Amino acid sequence: MSTNEKRRFKATIDGKDYVLVGKGSVDHMQAVSDLLNEQLKQLHEAMPNASDEQRAILIAFNAISKQFDVEESAHNKEVH
């Protein structure tokens, strides 16, 4: 399978089973799933009364914020 082909990956996230489709390797997809589960666990402990939706939105917001930081850093390196 080439690196550009999408593959299916079965993951359990927050106790629910999902089939994800992406170009990442199995190791990559497992690492992402593991990190997501760890972040969900931390939010469950820090915010026990938050809904699943609230925790998911916070994780998505943090991920997009991190993506912006990485893109800004890469752009600054190109400019200098």
N, C-alpha and C. Protein backbone atom coordinates (compact mmCIF):
# COMPACT_ATOMS: atom_id res chain seq x y z
N MET A 1 0.86 -1.18 0.00
CA MET A 1 0.00 0.00 0.00
C MET A 1 0.90 1.23 0.00
N SER A 2 0.66 2.16 -0.92
CA SER A 2 1.49 3.36 -0.98
C SER A 2 1.10 4.31 0.14
N THR A 3 1.96 5.29 0.40
CA THR A 3 1.71 6.23 1.49
C THR A 3 0.58 7.19 1.17
N ASN A 4 0.15 7.28 -0.09
CA ASN A 4 -0.95 8.17 -0.46
C ASN A 4 -2.31 7.49 -0.41
N GLU A 5 -2.33 6.20 -0.24
CA GLU A 5 -3.60 5.48 -0.20
C GLU A 5 -4.21 5.57 1.19
N LYS A 6 -5.52 5.74 1.21
CA LYS A 6 -6.21 5.78 2.49
C LYS A 6 -6.42 4.36 3.00
N ARG A 7 -6.41 4.23 4.31
CA ARG A 7 -6.64 2.93 4.93
C ARG A 7 -7.63 3.09 6.07
N ARG A 8 -8.26 1.99 6.40
CA ARG A 8 -9.23 1.97 7.50
C ARG A 8 -8.50 1.57 8.78
N PHE A 9 -8.88 2.21 9.87
CA PHE A 9 -8.26 1.96 11.16
C PHE A 9 -9.36 1.88 12.21
N LYS A 10 -9.38 0.79 12.96
CA LYS A 10 -10.36 0.64 14.03
C LYS A 10 -9.77 1.17 15.33
N ALA A 11 -10.54 2.05 16.00
CA ALA A 11 -10.06 2.66 17.24
C ALA A 11 -11.18 2.69 18.26
N THR A 12 -10.80 2.60 19.52
CA THR A 12 -11.74 2.82 20.61
C THR A 12 -11.36 4.14 21.24
N ILE A 13 -12.30 5.09 21.19
CA ILE A 13 -12.05 6.43 21.71
C ILE A 13 -13.13 6.72 22.74
N ASP A 14 -12.68 6.99 23.95
CA ASP A 14 -13.60 7.28 25.05
C ASP A 14 -14.64 6.17 25.22
N GLY A 15 -14.19 4.93 25.02
CA GLY A 15 -15.05 3.77 25.21
C GLY A 15 -15.97 3.44 24.05
N LYS A 16 -15.87 4.20 22.97
CA LYS A 16 -16.73 3.95 21.80
C LYS A 16 -15.85 3.50 20.63
N ASP A 17 -16.36 2.57 19.84
CA ASP A 17 -15.60 2.05 18.70
C ASP A 17 -15.86 2.90 17.45
N TYR A 18 -14.79 3.18 16.73
CA TYR A 18 -14.86 3.96 15.49
C TYR A 18 -14.03 3.27 14.42
N VAL A 19 -14.41 3.48 13.17
CA VAL A 19 -13.58 3.10 12.04
C VAL A 19 -13.19 4.42 11.38
N LEU A 20 -11.89 4.71 11.40
CA LEU A 20 -11.36 5.95 10.85
C LEU A 20 -10.70 5.65 9.52
N VAL A 21 -10.74 6.60 8.61
CA VAL A 21 -10.13 6.45 7.30
C VAL A 21 -9.13 7.57 7.13
N GLY A 22 -7.90 7.22 6.79
CA GLY A 22 -6.88 8.24 6.59
C GLY A 22 -5.64 7.68 5.95
N LYS A 23 -4.71 8.57 5.66
CA LYS A 23 -3.46 8.18 5.00
C LYS A 23 -2.36 7.83 5.99
N GLY A 24 -2.59 8.05 7.27
CA GLY A 24 -1.57 7.78 8.27
C GLY A 24 -1.30 6.30 8.43
N SER A 25 -0.11 6.01 8.93
CA SER A 25 0.25 4.62 9.21
C SER A 25 -0.55 4.13 10.41
N VAL A 26 -0.57 2.85 10.61
CA VAL A 26 -1.26 2.27 11.76
C VAL A 26 -0.65 2.83 13.04
N ASP A 27 0.68 2.93 13.09
CA ASP A 27 1.34 3.47 14.28
C ASP A 27 0.91 4.91 14.54
N HIS A 28 0.82 5.70 13.47
CA HIS A 28 0.40 7.10 13.59
C HIS A 28 -1.03 7.17 14.13
N MET A 29 -1.93 6.41 13.51
CA MET A 29 -3.33 6.43 13.92
C MET A 29 -3.48 5.97 15.37
N GLN A 30 -2.70 4.96 15.77
CA GLN A 30 -2.78 4.47 17.15
C GLN A 30 -2.25 5.53 18.11
N ALA A 31 -1.17 6.21 17.75
CA ALA A 31 -0.62 7.26 18.60
C ALA A 31 -1.62 8.41 18.78
N VAL A 32 -2.30 8.79 17.70
CA VAL A 32 -3.30 9.84 17.77
C VAL A 32 -4.46 9.40 18.67
N SER A 33 -4.92 8.17 18.50
CA SER A 33 -6.01 7.64 19.33
C SER A 33 -5.61 7.61 20.80
N ASP A 34 -4.39 7.18 21.07
CA ASP A 34 -3.90 7.12 22.45
C ASP A 34 -3.85 8.52 23.07
N LEU A 35 -3.33 9.49 22.33
CA LEU A 35 -3.25 10.86 22.83
C LEU A 35 -4.64 11.43 23.07
N LEU A 36 -5.56 11.19 22.14
CA LEU A 36 -6.93 11.66 22.29
C LEU A 36 -7.57 11.06 23.54
N ASN A 37 -7.39 9.78 23.75
CA ASN A 37 -7.95 9.14 24.94
C ASN A 37 -7.34 9.72 26.22
N GLU A 38 -6.05 10.01 26.19
CA GLU A 38 -5.39 10.60 27.36
C GLU A 38 -5.95 12.01 27.64
N GLN A 39 -6.14 12.80 26.60
CA GLN A 39 -6.69 14.14 26.77
C GLN A 39 -8.14 14.08 27.26
N LEU A 40 -8.91 13.15 26.74
CA LEU A 40 -10.29 12.99 27.21
C LEU A 40 -10.32 12.59 28.69
N LYS A 41 -9.42 11.70 29.08
CA LYS A 41 -9.33 11.28 30.48
C LYS A 41 -9.00 12.47 31.37
N GLN A 42 -8.05 13.30 30.94
CA GLN A 42 -7.67 14.47 31.73
C GLN A 42 -8.84 15.44 31.87
N LEU A 43 -9.58 15.64 30.78
CA LEU A 43 -10.74 16.52 30.85
C LEU A 43 -11.85 15.95 31.72
N HIS A 44 -12.04 14.63 31.67
CA HIS A 44 -13.04 13.98 32.55
C HIS A 44 -12.70 14.27 34.01
N GLU A 45 -11.40 14.19 34.33
CA GLU A 45 -10.97 14.42 35.71
C GLU A 45 -11.07 15.90 36.09
N ALA A 46 -10.69 16.79 35.17
CA ALA A 46 -10.69 18.22 35.46
C ALA A 46 -12.09 18.83 35.41
N MET A 47 -12.96 18.26 34.56
CA MET A 47 -14.30 18.80 34.36
C MET A 47 -15.33 17.67 34.39
N PRO A 48 -15.55 17.07 35.55
CA PRO A 48 -16.44 15.89 35.60
C PRO A 48 -17.89 16.18 35.20
N ASN A 49 -18.31 17.43 35.29
CA ASN A 49 -19.70 17.75 34.95
C ASN A 49 -19.87 18.21 33.51
N ALA A 50 -18.78 18.32 32.76
CA ALA A 50 -18.87 18.73 31.36
C ALA A 50 -19.45 17.58 30.54
N SER A 51 -20.17 17.95 29.50
CA SER A 51 -20.74 16.93 28.61
C SER A 51 -19.66 16.39 27.67
N ASP A 52 -19.96 15.27 27.05
CA ASP A 52 -19.03 14.72 26.04
C ASP A 52 -18.81 15.75 24.94
N GLU A 53 -19.88 16.44 24.54
CA GLU A 53 -19.76 17.45 23.48
C GLU A 53 -18.85 18.59 23.91
N GLN A 54 -18.98 19.06 25.13
CA GLN A 54 -18.13 20.14 25.61
C GLN A 54 -16.66 19.73 25.61
N ARG A 55 -16.39 18.51 26.08
CA ARG A 55 -15.01 18.03 26.10
C ARG A 55 -14.46 17.88 24.68
N ALA A 56 -15.28 17.39 23.76
CA ALA A 56 -14.85 17.23 22.37
C ALA A 56 -14.54 18.59 21.74
N ILE A 57 -15.37 19.59 22.04
CA ILE A 57 -15.13 20.92 21.48
C ILE A 57 -13.84 21.51 22.04
N LEU A 58 -13.58 21.33 23.33
CA LEU A 58 -12.35 21.83 23.92
C LEU A 58 -11.12 21.17 23.29
N ILE A 59 -11.19 19.87 23.07
CA ILE A 59 -10.06 19.18 22.45
C ILE A 59 -9.88 19.65 21.01
N ALA A 60 -10.96 19.81 20.27
CA ALA A 60 -10.86 20.31 18.90
C ALA A 60 -10.28 21.72 18.89
N PHE A 61 -10.74 22.58 19.79
CA PHE A 61 -10.22 23.95 19.86
C PHE A 61 -8.72 23.94 20.14
N ASN A 62 -8.29 23.11 21.10
CA ASN A 62 -6.87 23.03 21.42
C ASN A 62 -6.06 22.50 20.24
N ALA A 63 -6.59 21.53 19.53
CA ALA A 63 -5.89 20.97 18.37
C ALA A 63 -5.73 22.01 17.27
N ILE A 64 -6.79 22.78 17.00
CA ILE A 64 -6.72 23.80 15.96
C ILE A 64 -5.79 24.93 16.39
N SER A 65 -5.82 25.28 17.66
CA SER A 65 -4.91 26.30 18.17
C SER A 65 -3.46 25.87 17.99
N LYS A 66 -3.18 24.61 18.30
CA LYS A 66 -1.82 24.07 18.13
C LYS A 66 -1.43 24.07 16.66
N GLN A 67 -2.37 23.74 15.79
CA GLN A 67 -2.11 23.75 14.35
C GLN A 67 -1.75 25.15 13.89
N PHE A 68 -2.48 26.16 14.36
CA PHE A 68 -2.15 27.55 14.02
C PHE A 68 -0.75 27.90 14.48
N ASP A 69 -0.39 27.49 15.70
CA ASP A 69 0.94 27.78 16.22
C ASP A 69 2.03 27.17 15.34
N VAL A 70 1.82 25.92 14.93
CA VAL A 70 2.79 25.23 14.08
C VAL A 70 2.91 25.93 12.72
N GLU A 71 1.76 26.28 12.13
CA GLU A 71 1.77 26.95 10.83
C GLU A 71 2.43 28.32 10.92
N GLU A 72 2.15 29.06 11.99
CA GLU A 72 2.76 30.38 12.17
C GLU A 72 4.26 30.26 12.34
N SER A 73 4.69 29.27 13.11
CA SER A 73 6.12 29.04 13.30
C SER A 73 6.80 28.69 11.99
N ALA A 74 6.16 27.83 11.19
CA ALA A 74 6.74 27.45 9.89
C ALA A 74 6.80 28.66 8.98
N HIS A 75 5.77 29.50 8.97
CA HIS A 75 5.74 30.70 8.14
C HIS A 75 6.85 31.66 8.58
N ASN A 76 7.04 31.83 9.87
CA ASN A 76 8.09 32.74 10.36
C ASN A 76 9.48 32.24 9.98
N LYS A 77 9.68 30.94 9.95
CA LYS A 77 10.97 30.39 9.54
C LYS A 77 11.22 30.64 8.05
N GLU A 78 10.13 30.59 7.24
CA GLU A 78 10.28 30.86 5.79
C GLU A 78 10.62 32.30 5.53
N VAL A 79 10.06 33.22 6.31
CA VAL A 79 10.27 34.66 6.11
C VAL A 79 11.67 35.07 6.52
N HIS A 80 12.21 34.44 7.52
CA HIS A 80 13.54 34.85 8.04
C HIS A 80 14.63 34.05 7.44
